[in-house]
């Protein structure tokens, strides 16, 4: 095969996405949609890593997850172990609150830190939700990536259509 033809074949394969690495939630990070009132809200990309990212992230997670326990700030030996308990409680807190029924929000748990993604009606509502989530037991922090309304560019990576 000539160099030109080989380059063409490689280009076609790349364009078809055959060279793209699949992303998967290898660490089983909890990710839930908690409200869904704003249909036009861009959905966030679910958590996922390529195989190369998994190898790098495993080391970081072992280091960061255990430091909380060694410092005496966590009762469990790894801070990532809290996330599967925290995220359903965050979901319940947001749904039971009543102030957030007119939003579309997803939550992600990672190392006792909750990331809020989606759409709210006002900046005040976003701040109220952040404060409410901080009150959930075992939540260490909140990353607020909520956007006001459904127009514009989200503060998070959107899901692929």
Foldseek 3Di string as FASTA:
>chain_A
DDPVVVVVVVVVCVVVVVPPFDWDPVVCWDKFKQECQAPLKFAFADDTDGPVVVVVVVVVQVVQQQVCVVVVNDPDRGLQVCRVVLQVQLSVQQVVVPLFRNWTWMWTDDSLEIEIWIEDADPVSLVVSQVSSVPGPSRPHYHRQYDHDRDDDGSHHGHDD
